[in-house]
Amino acid sequence: MSIPHSWPAPLLRPGDVAEVFGVTTSTVNVWVREGRLSPVVVTPGGHRRFLPDDVHTLLAAIHHQDGGGQA
């Protein structure tokens, strides 16, 4: 699968996602297995890439779940 030239945003690597959340890449892999986060592309070498919007959605959900979203 090739990435279209008009792709809307740079794709994030698991390490990038881990850095956003302050977790390890192993935790990101668990989230993928649990279905909490889905890669938009898996490279021929098996490397996952994520959309920033999907990462922000999960971040907001976790923030809300932890009580950070309540006024």
Protein backbone atom coordinates (compact mmCIF):
# COMPACT_ATOMS: atom_id res chain seq x y z
CA MET A 1 0.00 0.00 0.00
CA SER A 2 1.43 3.35 -0.92
CA ILE A 3 0.66 6.63 0.81
CA PRO A 4 -1.05 9.15 -1.48
CA HIS A 5 0.96 12.28 -2.27
CA SER A 6 -1.90 14.41 -0.96
CA TRP A 7 -1.85 12.77 2.49
CA PRO A 8 -3.28 15.34 4.93
CA ALA A 9 -0.72 15.16 7.72
CA PRO A 10 2.57 13.49 8.56
CA LEU A 11 2.09 10.03 9.94
CA LEU A 12 3.28 9.22 13.44
CA ARG A 13 5.48 6.28 14.37
CA PRO A 14 4.80 4.24 17.51
CA GLY A 15 7.66 6.07 19.27
CA ASP A 16 6.03 9.41 18.45
CA VAL A 17 2.73 8.20 19.89
CA ALA A 18 4.48 6.87 23.00
CA GLU A 19 6.14 10.25 23.51
CA VAL A 20 2.81 12.09 23.29
CA PHE A 21 1.32 9.88 26.02
CA GLY A 22 4.44 9.48 28.13
CA VAL A 23 4.34 5.69 27.78
CA THR A 24 6.51 3.03 26.16
CA THR A 25 6.09 1.71 22.63
CA SER A 26 5.04 -1.58 24.24
CA THR A 27 2.01 0.23 25.67
CA VAL A 28 1.18 1.61 22.22
CA ASN A 29 1.34 -1.95 20.87
CA VAL A 30 -1.07 -3.09 23.59
CA TRP A 31 -3.48 -0.29 22.62
CA VAL A 32 -3.35 -1.50 19.01
CA ARG A 33 -4.08 -5.10 20.09
CA GLU A 34 -6.96 -3.86 22.27
CA GLY A 35 -8.38 -1.83 19.40
CA ARG A 36 -7.97 1.50 21.20
CA LEU A 37 -5.73 2.81 18.40
CA SER A 38 -5.51 1.62 14.81
CA PRO A 39 -2.68 2.23 12.39
CA VAL A 40 -3.70 3.87 9.15
CA VAL A 41 -0.82 2.17 7.34
CA VAL A 42 1.33 -0.85 8.01
CA THR A 43 4.48 -0.76 5.92
CA PRO A 44 5.71 -3.82 4.02
CA GLY A 45 8.21 -4.26 6.87
CA GLY A 46 5.36 -4.38 9.42
CA HIS A 47 5.88 -0.87 10.84
CA ARG A 48 2.72 0.86 11.99
CA ARG A 49 1.93 4.50 11.21
CA PHE A 50 -0.81 6.52 12.86
CA LEU A 51 -2.78 9.62 11.95
CA PRO A 52 -2.31 12.55 14.34
CA ASP A 53 -6.10 13.00 14.51
CA ASP A 54 -6.53 9.43 15.76
CA VAL A 55 -3.87 9.99 18.41
CA HIS A 56 -5.53 13.25 19.52
CA THR A 57 -8.90 11.49 19.74
CA LEU A 58 -7.44 8.81 22.02
CA LEU A 59 -5.63 11.44 24.08
CA ALA A 60 -8.88 13.36 24.59
CA ALA A 61 -10.72 10.16 25.54
CA ILE A 62 -8.09 9.21 28.10
CA HIS A 63 -8.00 12.77 29.45
CA HIS A 64 -11.80 12.75 29.82
CA GLN A 65 -11.75 9.26 31.41
CA ASP A 66 -9.21 10.44 33.98
CA GLY A 67 -11.51 13.29 34.97
CA GLY A 68 -9.60 15.97 33.13
CA GLY A 69 -12.56 16.69 30.89
CA GLN A 70 -14.97 17.57 33.68
CA ALA A 71 -15.55 21.17 34.64
